[in-house]
Amino acid sequence: KLMSRVYDGAPKPLTQKPGATLGMAMTEKQGGSDVRANT
């Protein structure tokens, strides 16, 4: 789904989509680039 050449921006489960995108959520207030400080 991530390597698909079809974009589907609808809010629905992966099984119902021909293509998918993936994001990232790492940073926290107290650590920034120091991710080992994540809580």
PDB file of all heavy atoms in Angstrom:
ATOM      1  N   LYS A   1       0.833  -1.207   0.000  1.00  0.00           N
ATOM      2  CA  LYS A   1       0.000   0.000   0.000  1.00  0.00           C
ATOM      3  C   LYS A   1       0.869   1.259   0.000  1.00  0.00           C
ATOM      4  O   LYS A   1       0.531   2.257  -0.658  1.00  0.00           O
ATOM      5  CB  LYS A   1      -0.920   0.008   1.228  1.00  0.00           C
ATOM      6  CG  LYS A   1      -1.839  -1.217   1.331  1.00  0.00           C
ATOM      7  CD  LYS A   1      -2.901  -1.224   0.249  1.00  0.00           C
ATOM      8  CE  LYS A   1      -3.807  -2.454   0.347  1.00  0.00           C
ATOM      9  NZ  LYS A   1      -4.810  -2.339   1.404  1.00  0.00           N
ATOM     10  N   LEU A   2       1.977   1.229   0.697  1.00  0.00           N
ATOM     11  CA  LEU A   2       2.876   2.387   0.725  1.00  0.00           C
ATOM     12  C   LEU A   2       3.602   2.567  -0.605  1.00  0.00           C
ATOM     13  O   LEU A   2       3.955   3.688  -0.982  1.00  0.00           O
ATOM     14  CB  LEU A   2       3.896   2.245   1.861  1.00  0.00           C
ATOM     15  CG  LEU A   2       3.317   2.176   3.277  1.00  0.00           C
ATOM     16  CD1 LEU A   2       4.429   1.950   4.287  1.00  0.00           C
ATOM     17  CD2 LEU A   2       2.537   3.439   3.615  1.00  0.00           C
ATOM     18  N   MET A   3       3.839   1.467  -1.308  1.00  0.00           N
ATOM     19  CA  MET A   3       4.511   1.544  -2.609  1.00  0.00           C
ATOM     20  C   MET A   3       3.541   1.600  -3.777  1.00  0.00           C
ATOM     21  O   MET A   3       3.935   1.511  -4.933  1.00  0.00           O
ATOM     22  CB  MET A   3       5.460   0.352  -2.754  1.00  0.00           C
ATOM     23  CG  MET A   3       6.653   0.420  -1.812  1.00  0.00           C
ATOM     24  SD  MET A   3       7.871  -0.897  -2.060  1.00  0.00           S
ATOM     25  CE  MET A   3       7.048  -2.276  -1.284  1.00  0.00           C
ATOM     26  N   SER A   4       2.261   1.756  -3.449  1.00  0.00           N
ATOM     27  CA  SER A   4       1.255   1.887  -4.499  1.00  0.00           C
ATOM     28  C   SER A   4       1.404   3.239  -5.195  1.00  0.00           C
ATOM     29  O   SER A   4       1.894   4.208  -4.617  1.00  0.00           O
ATOM     30  CB  SER A   4      -0.145   1.776  -3.890  1.00  0.00           C
ATOM     31  OG  SER A   4      -1.143   2.160  -4.809  1.00  0.00           O
ATOM     32  N   ARG A   5       0.963   3.280  -6.446  1.00  0.00           N
ATOM     33  CA  ARG A   5       0.946   4.555  -7.165  1.00  0.00           C
ATOM     34  C   ARG A   5      -0.461   5.155  -7.198  1.00  0.00           C
ATOM     35  O   ARG A   5      -0.794   5.923  -8.087  1.00  0.00           O
ATOM     36  CB  ARG A   5       1.495   4.368  -8.580  1.00  0.00           C
ATOM     37  CG  ARG A   5       2.985   4.055  -8.608  1.00  0.00           C
ATOM     38  CD  ARG A   5       3.590   4.352  -9.945  1.00  0.00           C
ATOM     39  NE  ARG A   5       5.017   4.102  -9.979  1.00  0.00           N
ATOM     40  CZ  ARG A   5       5.818   4.564 -10.929  1.00  0.00           C
ATOM     41  NH1 ARG A   5       5.327   5.297 -11.915  1.00  0.00           N
ATOM     42  NH2 ARG A   5       7.102   4.300 -10.911  1.00  0.00           N
ATOM     43  N   VAL A   6      -1.245   4.796  -6.202  1.00  0.00           N
ATOM     44  CA  VAL A   6      -2.584   5.355  -6.068  1.00  0.00           C
ATOM     45  C   VAL A   6      -2.658   6.097  -4.740  1.00  0.00           C
ATOM     46  O   VAL A   6      -2.285   5.556  -3.695  1.00  0.00           O
ATOM     47  CB  VAL A   6      -3.661   4.257  -6.125  1.00  0.00           C
ATOM     48  CG1 VAL A   6      -5.052   4.870  -5.947  1.00  0.00           C
ATOM     49  CG2 VAL A   6      -3.581   3.490  -7.435  1.00  0.00           C
ATOM     50  N   TYR A   7      -3.157   7.317  -4.793  1.00  0.00           N
ATOM     51  CA  TYR A   7      -3.332   8.108  -3.570  1.00  0.00           C
ATOM     52  C   TYR A   7      -4.778   8.040  -3.120  1.00  0.00           C
ATOM     53  O   TYR A   7      -5.701   8.214  -3.916  1.00  0.00           O
ATOM     54  CB  TYR A   7      -2.936   9.560  -3.829  1.00  0.00           C
ATOM     55  CG  TYR A   7      -3.340  10.502  -2.718  1.00  0.00           C
ATOM     56  CD1 TYR A   7      -2.740  10.420  -1.469  1.00  0.00           C
ATOM     57  CD2 TYR A   7      -4.324  11.468  -2.923  1.00  0.00           C
ATOM     58  CE1 TYR A   7      -3.116  11.281  -0.440  1.00  0.00           C
ATOM     59  CE2 TYR A   7      -4.692  12.335  -1.911  1.00  0.00           C
ATOM     60  CZ  TYR A   7      -4.090  12.237  -0.674  1.00  0.00           C
ATOM     61  OH  TYR A   7      -4.459  13.085   0.350  1.00  0.00           O
ATOM     62  N   ASP A   8      -4.987   7.776  -1.832  1.00  0.00           N
ATOM     63  CA  ASP A   8      -6.322   7.741  -1.258  1.00  0.00           C
ATOM     64  C   ASP A   8      -6.252   8.466   0.084  1.00  0.00           C
ATOM     65  O   ASP A   8      -5.734   7.930   1.063  1.00  0.00           O
ATOM     66  CB  ASP A   8      -6.797   6.300  -1.080  1.00  0.00           C
ATOM     67  CG  ASP A   8      -8.231   6.203  -0.575  1.00  0.00           C
ATOM     68  OD1 ASP A   8      -8.779   7.236  -0.135  1.00  0.00           O
ATOM     69  OD2 ASP A   8      -8.800   5.109  -0.612  1.00  0.00           O
ATOM     70  N   GLY A   9      -6.776   9.675   0.124  1.00  0.00           N
ATOM     71  CA  GLY A   9      -6.698  10.476   1.342  1.00  0.00           C
ATOM     72  C   GLY A   9      -7.872  10.320   2.275  1.00  0.00           C
ATOM     73  O   GLY A   9      -7.988  11.063   3.248  1.00  0.00           O
ATOM     74  N   ALA A  10      -8.759   9.357   2.022  1.00  0.00           N
ATOM     75  CA  ALA A  10      -9.974   9.201   2.828  1.00  0.00           C
ATOM     76  C   ALA A  10      -9.652   8.587   4.188  1.00  0.00           C
ATOM     77  O   ALA A  10      -8.736   7.767   4.318  1.00  0.00           O
ATOM     78  CB  ALA A  10     -10.978   8.329   2.084  1.00  0.00           C
ATOM     79  N   PRO A  11     -10.420   8.957   5.224  1.00  0.00           N
ATOM     80  CA  PRO A  11     -10.242   8.365   6.562  1.00  0.00           C
ATOM     81  C   PRO A  11     -10.921   7.004   6.662  1.00  0.00           C
ATOM     82  O   PRO A  11     -12.084   6.890   7.052  1.00  0.00           O
ATOM     83  CB  PRO A  11     -10.902   9.398   7.488  1.00  0.00           C
ATOM     84  CG  PRO A  11     -11.936  10.054   6.638  1.00  0.00           C
ATOM     85  CD  PRO A  11     -11.405  10.049   5.236  1.00  0.00           C
ATOM     86  N   LYS A  12     -10.182   5.960   6.315  1.00  0.00           N
ATOM     87  CA  LYS A  12     -10.717   4.614   6.395  1.00  0.00           C
ATOM     88  C   LYS A  12      -9.579   3.629   6.610  1.00  0.00           C
ATOM     89  O   LYS A  12      -8.416   3.947   6.347  1.00  0.00           O
ATOM     90  CB  LYS A  12     -11.514   4.262   5.139  1.00  0.00           C
ATOM     91  CG  LYS A  12     -10.790   4.467   3.834  1.00  0.00           C
ATOM     92  CD  LYS A  12     -11.744   4.304   2.645  1.00  0.00           C
ATOM     93  CE  LYS A  12     -11.030   4.543   1.324  1.00  0.00           C
ATOM     94  NZ  LYS A  12     -11.957   4.446   0.174  1.00  0.00           N
ATOM     95  N   PRO A  13      -9.851   2.427   7.076  1.00  0.00           N
ATOM     96  CA  PRO A  13      -8.797   1.469   7.427  1.00  0.00           C
ATOM     97  C   PRO A  13      -7.948   1.072   6.220  1.00  0.00           C
ATOM     98  O   PRO A  13      -8.382   1.157   5.064  1.00  0.00           O
ATOM     99  CB  PRO A  13      -9.578   0.270   7.967  1.00  0.00           C
ATOM    100  CG  PRO A  13     -10.900   0.804   8.355  1.00  0.00           C
ATOM    101  CD  PRO A  13     -11.190   1.921   7.416  1.00  0.00           C
ATOM    102  N   LEU A  14      -6.760   0.594   6.522  1.00  0.00           N
ATOM    103  CA  LEU A  14      -5.807   0.206   5.481  1.00  0.00           C
ATOM    104  C   LEU A  14      -6.395  -0.835   4.529  1.00  0.00           C
ATOM    105  O   LEU A  14      -6.164  -0.775   3.322  1.00  0.00           O
ATOM    106  CB  LEU A  14      -4.536  -0.342   6.138  1.00  0.00           C
ATOM    107  CG  LEU A  14      -3.401  -0.726   5.189  1.00  0.00           C
ATOM    108  CD1 LEU A  14      -2.751   0.530   4.615  1.00  0.00           C
ATOM    109  CD2 LEU A  14      -2.371  -1.586   5.908  1.00  0.00           C
ATOM    110  N   THR A  15      -7.170  -1.764   5.043  1.00  0.00           N
ATOM    111  CA  THR A  15      -7.705  -2.838   4.212  1.00  0.00           C
ATOM    112  C   THR A  15      -8.643  -2.325   3.127  1.00  0.00           C
ATOM    113  O   THR A  15      -8.879  -3.007   2.128  1.00  0.00           O
ATOM    114  CB  THR A  15      -8.464  -3.861   5.076  1.00  0.00           C
ATOM    115  OG1 THR A  15      -9.486  -3.176   5.818  1.00  0.00           O
ATOM    116  CG2 THR A  15      -7.515  -4.569   6.026  1.00  0.00           C
ATOM    117  N   GLN A  16      -9.184  -1.138   3.299  1.00  0.00           N
ATOM    118  CA  GLN A  16     -10.141  -0.570   2.346  1.00  0.00           C
ATOM    119  C   GLN A  16      -9.494   0.420   1.382  1.00  0.00           C
ATOM    120  O   GLN A  16     -10.196   1.051   0.599  1.00  0.00           O
ATOM    121  CB  GLN A  16     -11.287   0.117   3.107  1.00  0.00           C
ATOM    122  CG  GLN A  16     -12.066  -0.804   4.027  1.00  0.00           C
ATOM    123  CD  GLN A  16     -13.115  -0.050   4.815  1.00  0.00           C
ATOM    124  OE1 GLN A  16     -13.605   0.994   4.394  1.00  0.00           O
ATOM    125  NE2 GLN A  16     -13.472  -0.590   5.981  1.00  0.00           N
ATOM    126  N   LYS A  17      -8.165   0.541   1.419  1.00  0.00           N
ATOM    127  CA  LYS A  17      -7.491   1.567   0.620  1.00  0.00           C
ATOM    128  C   LYS A  17      -6.570   0.927  -0.412  1.00  0.00           C
ATOM    129  O   LYS A  17      -5.848  -0.036  -0.104  1.00  0.00           O
ATOM    130  CB  LYS A  17      -6.675   2.496   1.519  1.00  0.00           C
ATOM    131  CG  LYS A  17      -7.480   3.140   2.634  1.00  0.00           C
ATOM    132  CD  LYS A  17      -6.698   4.198   3.376  1.00  0.00           C
ATOM    133  CE  LYS A  17      -6.847   5.534   2.706  1.00  0.00           C
ATOM    134  NZ  LYS A  17      -6.300   6.646   3.498  1.00  0.00           N
ATOM    135  N   PRO A  18      -6.531   1.482  -1.639  1.00  0.00           N
ATOM    136  CA  PRO A  18      -5.590   0.982  -2.643  1.00  0.00           C
ATOM    137  C   PRO A  18      -4.171   1.479  -2.441  1.00  0.00           C
ATOM    138  O   PRO A  18      -3.226   0.911  -2.976  1.00  0.00           O
ATOM    139  CB  PRO A  18      -6.169   1.523  -3.954  1.00  0.00           C
ATOM    140  CG  PRO A  18      -6.873   2.778  -3.554  1.00  0.00           C
ATOM    141  CD  PRO A  18      -7.433   2.516  -2.180  1.00  0.00           C
ATOM    142  N   GLY A  19      -4.020   2.539  -1.673  1.00  0.00           N
ATOM    143  CA  GLY A  19      -2.704   3.093  -1.398  1.00  0.00           C
ATOM    144  C   GLY A  19      -2.727   3.811  -0.068  1.00  0.00           C
ATOM    145  O   GLY A  19      -3.792   4.220   0.415  1.00  0.00           O
ATOM    146  N   ALA A  20      -1.566   3.956   0.554  1.00  0.00           N
ATOM    147  CA  ALA A  20      -1.500   4.553   1.888  1.00  0.00           C
ATOM    148  C   ALA A  20      -0.267   5.439   2.009  1.00  0.00           C
ATOM    149  O   ALA A  20       0.688   5.319   1.234  1.00  0.00           O
ATOM    150  CB  ALA A  20      -1.471   3.458   2.956  1.00  0.00           C
ATOM    151  N   THR A  21      -0.304   6.320   3.004  1.00  0.00           N
ATOM    152  CA  THR A  21       0.849   7.157   3.335  1.00  0.00           C
ATOM    153  C   THR A  21       1.208   6.926   4.798  1.00  0.00           C
ATOM    154  O   THR A  21       0.378   6.493   5.606  1.00  0.00           O
ATOM    155  CB  THR A  21       0.557   8.650   3.105  1.00  0.00           C
ATOM    156  OG1 THR A  21      -0.564   9.041   3.917  1.00  0.00           O
ATOM    157  CG2 THR A  21       0.250   8.919   1.642  1.00  0.00           C
ATOM    158  N   LEU A  22       2.442   7.241   5.132  1.00  0.00           N
ATOM    159  CA  LEU A  22       2.925   7.028   6.490  1.00  0.00           C
ATOM    160  C   LEU A  22       3.610   8.289   6.979  1.00  0.00           C
ATOM    161  O   LEU A  22       4.385   8.915   6.239  1.00  0.00           O
ATOM    162  CB  LEU A  22       3.904   5.855   6.534  1.00  0.00           C
ATOM    163  CG  LEU A  22       3.978   5.066   7.838  1.00  0.00           C
ATOM    164  CD1 LEU A  22       2.631   4.440   8.166  1.00  0.00           C
ATOM    165  CD2 LEU A  22       5.022   3.963   7.734  1.00  0.00           C
ATOM    166  N   GLY A  23       3.319   8.668   8.219  1.00  0.00           N
ATOM    167  CA  GLY A  23       3.931   9.837   8.827  1.00  0.00           C
ATOM    168  C   GLY A  23       4.861   9.455   9.965  1.00  0.00           C
ATOM    169  O   GLY A  23       5.182   8.281  10.161  1.00  0.00           O
ATOM    170  N   MET A  24       5.244  10.453  10.732  1.00  0.00           N
ATOM    171  CA  MET A  24       6.199  10.248  11.820  1.00  0.00           C
ATOM    172  C   MET A  24       5.784  11.115  12.999  1.00  0.00           C
ATOM    173  O   MET A  24       5.353  12.257  12.814  1.00  0.00           O
ATOM    174  CB  MET A  24       7.611  10.624  11.352  1.00  0.00           C
ATOM    175  CG  MET A  24       8.698  10.403  12.393  1.00  0.00           C
ATOM    176  SD  MET A  24      10.287  11.130  11.871  1.00  0.00           S
ATOM    177  CE  MET A  24      10.711  10.075  10.506  1.00  0.00           C
ATOM    178  N   ALA A  25       5.916  10.584  14.197  1.00  0.00           N
ATOM    179  CA  ALA A  25       5.637  11.338  15.420  1.00  0.00           C
ATOM    180  C   ALA A  25       6.659  10.919  16.463  1.00  0.00           C
ATOM    181  O   ALA A  25       6.468   9.914  17.149  1.00  0.00           O
ATOM    182  CB  ALA A  25       4.213  11.086  15.905  1.00  0.00           C
ATOM    183  N   MET A  26       7.735  11.665  16.563  1.00  0.00           N
ATOM    184  CA  MET A  26       8.806  11.311  17.498  1.00  0.00           C
ATOM    185  C   MET A  26       9.025  12.371  18.567  1.00  0.00           C
ATOM    186  O   MET A  26       9.218  12.061  19.729  1.00  0.00           O
ATOM    187  CB  MET A  26      10.127  11.110  16.739  1.00  0.00           C
ATOM    188  CG  MET A  26      10.159   9.872  15.873  1.00  0.00           C
ATOM    189  SD  MET A  26      11.854   9.371  15.490  1.00  0.00           S
ATOM    190  CE  MET A  26      12.429  10.768  14.539  1.00  0.00           C
ATOM    191  N   THR A  27       9.012  13.654  18.185  1.00  0.00           N
ATOM    192  CA  THR A  27       9.461  14.726  19.070  1.00  0.00           C
ATOM    193  C   THR A  27       8.508  14.927  20.244  1.00  0.00           C
ATOM    194  O   THR A  27       7.294  14.954  20.079  1.00  0.00           O
ATOM    195  CB  THR A  27       9.567  16.042  18.279  1.00  0.00           C
ATOM    196  OG1 THR A  27      10.386  15.825  17.141  1.00  0.00           O
ATOM    197  CG2 THR A  27      10.155  17.140  19.132  1.00  0.00           C
ATOM    198  N   GLU A  28       9.079  15.116  21.420  1.00  0.00           N
ATOM    199  CA  GLU A  28       8.310  15.469  22.610  1.00  0.00           C
ATOM    200  C   GLU A  28       8.856  16.760  23.205  1.00  0.00           C
ATOM    201  O   GLU A  28       9.982  17.171  22.908  1.00  0.00           O
ATOM    202  CB  GLU A  28       8.348  14.327  23.627  1.00  0.00           C
ATOM    203  CG  GLU A  28       7.689  13.053  23.097  1.00  0.00           C
ATOM    204  CD  GLU A  28       7.596  11.936  24.123  1.00  0.00           C
ATOM    205  OE1 GLU A  28       7.936  12.194  25.307  1.00  0.00           O
ATOM    206  OE2 GLU A  28       7.173  10.823  23.760  1.00  0.00           O
ATOM    207  N   LYS A  29       8.065  17.400  24.033  1.00  0.00           N
ATOM    208  CA  LYS A  29       8.414  18.732  24.536  1.00  0.00           C
ATOM    209  C   LYS A  29       9.760  18.754  25.252  1.00  0.00           C
ATOM    210  O   LYS A  29      10.569  19.666  25.055  1.00  0.00           O
ATOM    211  CB  LYS A  29       7.329  19.227  25.499  1.00  0.00           C
ATOM    212  CG  LYS A  29       5.972  19.465  24.859  1.00  0.00           C
ATOM    213  CD  LYS A  29       4.947  19.848  25.924  1.00  0.00           C
ATOM    214  CE  LYS A  29       3.563  20.009  25.305  1.00  0.00           C
ATOM    215  NZ  LYS A  29       2.534  20.318  26.330  1.00  0.00           N
ATOM    216  N   GLN A  30       9.970  17.767  26.088  1.00  0.00           N
ATOM    217  CA  GLN A  30      11.123  17.824  26.978  1.00  0.00           C
ATOM    218  C   GLN A  30      12.421  17.382  26.316  1.00  0.00           C
ATOM    219  O   GLN A  30      13.498  17.635  26.852  1.00  0.00           O
ATOM    220  CB  GLN A  30      10.877  16.948  28.217  1.00  0.00           C
ATOM    221  CG  GLN A  30      10.940  15.446  27.968  1.00  0.00           C
ATOM    222  CD  GLN A  30       9.718  14.895  27.259  1.00  0.00           C
ATOM    223  OE1 GLN A  30       8.712  15.588  27.141  1.00  0.00           O
ATOM    224  NE2 GLN A  30       9.794  13.666  26.786  1.00  0.00           N
ATOM    225  N   GLY A  31      12.339  16.739  25.127  1.00  0.00           N
ATOM    226  CA  GLY A  31      13.539  16.151  24.556  1.00  0.00           C
ATOM    227  C   GLY A  31      13.985  16.731  23.238  1.00  0.00           C
ATOM    228  O   GLY A  31      15.177  16.863  22.989  1.00  0.00           O
ATOM    229  N   GLY A  32      13.041  17.082  22.367  1.00  0.00           N
ATOM    230  CA  GLY A  32      13.420  17.538  21.036  1.00  0.00           C
ATOM    231  C   GLY A  32      14.194  16.459  20.296  1.00  0.00           C
ATOM    232  O   GLY A  32      13.747  15.316  20.177  1.00  0.00           O
ATOM    233  N   SER A  33      15.386  16.801  19.840  1.00  0.00           N
ATOM    234  CA  SER A  33      16.213  15.837  19.119  1.00  0.00           C
ATOM    235  C   SER A  33      16.703  14.699  20.014  1.00  0.00           C
ATOM    236  O   SER A  33      17.091  13.643  19.511  1.00  0.00           O
ATOM    237  CB  SER A  33      17.428  16.553  18.500  1.00  0.00           C
ATOM    238  OG  SER A  33      17.014  17.486  17.526  1.00  0.00           O
ATOM    239  N   ASP A  34      16.690  14.907  21.324  1.00  0.00           N
ATOM    240  CA  ASP A  34      17.115  13.868  22.259  1.00  0.00           C
ATOM    241  C   ASP A  34      15.943  12.927  22.522  1.00  0.00           C
ATOM    242  O   ASP A  34      15.268  12.997  23.558  1.00  0.00           O
ATOM    243  CB  ASP A  34      17.596  14.515  23.558  1.00  0.00           C
ATOM    244  CG  ASP A  34      18.110  13.489  24.567  1.00  0.00           C
ATOM    245  OD1 ASP A  34      18.256  12.303  24.191  1.00  0.00           O
ATOM    246  OD2 ASP A  34      18.356  13.874  25.730  1.00  0.00           O
ATOM    247  N   VAL A  35      15.691  12.031  21.552  1.00  0.00           N
ATOM    248  CA  VAL A  35      14.502  11.181  21.644  1.00  0.00           C
ATOM    249  C   VAL A  35      14.591  10.181  22.783  1.00  0.00           C
ATOM    250  O   VAL A  35      13.565   9.621  23.204  1.00  0.00           O
ATOM    251  CB  VAL A  35      14.245  10.446  20.315  1.00  0.00           C
ATOM    252  CG1 VAL A  35      13.883  11.434  19.219  1.00  0.00           C
ATOM    253  CG2 VAL A  35      15.438   9.586  19.911  1.00  0.00           C
ATOM    254  N   ARG A  36      15.778   9.933  23.304  1.00  0.00           N
ATOM    255  CA  ARG A  36      15.885   8.991  24.428  1.00  0.00           C
ATOM    256  C   ARG A  36      15.225   9.552  25.687  1.00  0.00           C
ATOM    257  O   ARG A  36      14.979   8.816  26.648  1.00  0.00           O
ATOM    258  CB  ARG A  36      17.349   8.644  24.700  1.00  0.00           C
ATOM    259  CG  ARG A  36      17.992   7.874  23.542  1.00  0.00           C
ATOM    260  CD  ARG A  36      19.392   7.398  23.867  1.00  0.00           C
ATOM    261  NE  ARG A  36      20.041   6.799  22.707  1.00  0.00           N
ATOM    262  CZ  ARG A  36      19.851   5.561  22.289  1.00  0.00           C
ATOM    263  NH1 ARG A  36      19.026   4.773  22.965  1.00  0.00           N
ATOM    264  NH2 ARG A  36      20.473   5.099  21.221  1.00  0.00           N
ATOM    265  N   ALA A  37      14.944  10.870  25.672  1.00  0.00           N
ATOM    266  CA  ALA A  37      14.236  11.472  26.806  1.00  0.00           C
ATOM    267  C   ALA A  37      12.724  11.350  26.680  1.00  0.00           C
ATOM    268  O   ALA A  37      11.983  11.849  27.530  1.00  0.00           O
ATOM    269  CB  ALA A  37      14.622  12.955  26.921  1.00  0.00           C
ATOM    270  N   ASN A  38      12.236  10.675  25.637  1.00  0.00           N
ATOM    271  CA  ASN A  38      10.795  10.527  25.436  1.00  0.00           C
ATOM    272  C   ASN A  38      10.139   9.819  26.616  1.00  0.00           C
ATOM    273  O   ASN A  38      10.729   8.897  27.209  1.00  0.00           O
ATOM    274  CB  ASN A  38      10.509   9.738  24.153  1.00  0.00           C
ATOM    275  CG  ASN A  38      10.700  10.582  22.907  1.00  0.00           C
ATOM    276  OD1 ASN A  38      11.177  11.707  22.982  1.00  0.00           O
ATOM    277  ND2 ASN A  38      10.326  10.040  21.768  1.00  0.00           N
ATOM    278  N   THR A  39       8.911  10.241  26.924  1.00  0.00           N
ATOM    279  CA  THR A  39       8.196   9.669  28.069  1.00  0.00           C
ATOM    280  C   THR A  39       6.934   8.910  27.676  1.00  0.00           C
ATOM    281  O   THR A  39       6.303   8.300  28.549  1.00  0.00           O
ATOM    282  CB  THR A  39       7.805  10.780  29.060  1.00  0.00           C
ATOM    283  OG1 THR A  39       6.931  11.712  28.406  1.00  0.00           O
ATOM    284  CG2 THR A  39       9.036  11.509  29.578  1.00  0.00           C
TER     285      THR A  39
END
